[in-house]
């Protein structure tokens, strides 16, 4: 067994931001579909525009928020792992 004693904060934050961008894009697409459906059903052209704009805005907002949260989580992990121990993982060498 090996133990992860600390993580590099910027590295963790960048990976976390990538997940945020992906989820933001998925939510943006869902919001665009729902916005188009609502706009067509209730004769609200602004709902369709807002829905399509969400495909651009949601990934940006989610990515920024996930980057900040990832940096905070990595910072706290480093503190907690130093006091109570890190995550234990078992590594196996891959055969060629």
Protein backbone atom coordinates (compact mmCIF):
# COMPACT_ATOMS: atom_id res chain seq x y z
CA UNK A 1 0.00 0.00 0.00
CA UNK A 2 1.11 3.51 -0.75
CA UNK A 3 -0.23 6.73 0.73
CA UNK A 4 -0.89 10.06 -0.96
CA UNK A 5 0.68 12.52 1.48
CA UNK A 6 -0.08 15.69 -0.50
CA UNK A 7 -1.37 16.90 -3.82
CA UNK A 8 -0.14 19.81 -5.91
CA UNK A 9 -2.82 22.47 -5.55
CA UNK A 10 -2.72 23.92 -9.08
CA UNK A 11 -2.66 20.47 -10.67
CA UNK A 12 -5.73 19.38 -8.69
CA UNK A 13 -7.52 22.68 -9.39
CA UNK A 14 -6.97 22.37 -13.17
CA UNK A 15 -8.34 18.82 -13.28
CA UNK A 16 -11.29 19.87 -11.14
CA UNK A 17 -11.94 22.82 -13.47
CA UNK A 18 -11.98 20.48 -16.47
CA UNK A 19 -14.70 18.41 -14.80
CA UNK A 20 -16.60 21.64 -14.09
CA UNK A 21 -16.39 22.68 -17.75
CA UNK A 22 -17.67 19.30 -18.91
CA UNK A 23 -20.58 19.31 -16.46
CA UNK A 24 -21.31 22.96 -17.30
CA UNK A 25 -21.52 22.06 -20.98
CA UNK A 26 -23.90 19.19 -20.23
CA UNK A 27 -26.10 21.41 -18.06
CA UNK A 28 -25.94 24.16 -20.68
CA UNK A 29 -27.14 21.80 -23.41
CA UNK A 30 -29.95 20.54 -21.17
CA UNK A 31 -30.91 24.12 -20.29
CA UNK A 32 -30.87 25.07 -24.00
CA UNK A 33 -33.18 22.18 -24.87
CA UNK A 34 -35.57 23.06 -22.06
CA UNK A 35 -35.37 26.76 -22.93
CA UNK A 36 -36.24 26.06 -26.54
CA UNK A 37 -39.16 23.86 -25.51
CA UNK A 38 -40.49 26.46 -23.09
CA UNK A 39 -39.97 29.25 -25.63
CA UNK A 40 -41.88 27.34 -28.28
CA UNK A 41 -44.69 26.29 -25.93
CA UNK A 42 -45.37 29.67 -24.35
CA UNK A 43 -44.36 31.98 -27.23
CA UNK A 44 -41.34 33.33 -25.34
CA UNK A 45 -38.50 33.95 -27.82
CA UNK A 46 -36.23 35.15 -25.01
CA UNK A 47 -36.28 31.70 -23.41
CA UNK A 48 -34.76 30.18 -26.53
CA UNK A 49 -32.02 32.84 -26.65
CA UNK A 50 -31.26 32.41 -22.96
CA UNK A 51 -31.14 28.65 -23.42
CA UNK A 52 -28.66 28.88 -26.29
CA UNK A 53 -26.54 31.41 -24.40
CA UNK A 54 -26.32 28.95 -21.50
CA UNK A 55 -24.23 26.60 -23.67
CA UNK A 56 -21.48 29.24 -23.56
CA UNK A 57 -22.00 30.75 -20.11
CA UNK A 58 -22.52 27.59 -18.00
CA UNK A 59 -19.16 25.94 -18.86
CA UNK A 60 -17.31 29.19 -18.07
CA UNK A 61 -19.05 29.70 -14.72
CA UNK A 62 -18.85 26.02 -13.74
CA UNK A 63 -15.17 25.89 -14.74
CA UNK A 64 -14.23 28.95 -12.66
CA UNK A 65 -16.20 27.72 -9.65
CA UNK A 66 -14.74 24.22 -9.92
CA UNK A 67 -11.19 25.62 -10.19
CA UNK A 68 -11.64 27.65 -7.00
CA UNK A 69 -13.29 24.75 -5.14
CA UNK A 70 -10.60 22.35 -6.37
CA UNK A 71 -7.83 24.62 -5.08
CA UNK A 72 -9.54 24.89 -1.69
CA UNK A 73 -10.08 21.12 -1.54
CA UNK A 74 -6.42 20.40 -2.40
CA UNK A 75 -5.24 22.90 0.20
CA UNK A 76 -7.45 21.33 2.87
CA UNK A 77 -6.45 17.80 1.82
CA UNK A 78 -2.79 18.68 2.33
CA UNK A 79 -3.55 19.95 5.83
CA UNK A 80 -5.73 16.99 6.80
CA UNK A 81 -3.42 14.37 5.26
CA UNK A 82 -0.54 15.78 7.28
CA UNK A 83 -2.52 15.39 10.51
CA UNK A 84 -4.50 12.15 10.08
CA UNK A 85 -2.85 10.47 7.09
CA UNK A 86 -3.54 10.48 3.41
CA UNK A 87 -5.53 8.26 1.08
CA UNK A 88 -4.08 4.77 0.79
CA UNK A 89 -3.85 3.24 -2.67
CA UNK A 90 -2.52 -0.05 -3.93
CA UNK A 91 -0.43 0.22 -7.07
CA UNK A 92 0.33 -2.71 -9.35
CA UNK A 93 2.97 -2.69 -12.05
CA UNK A 94 1.44 -3.08 -15.49
CA UNK A 95 2.77 -5.99 -17.53
CA UNK A 96 3.85 -5.17 -21.07
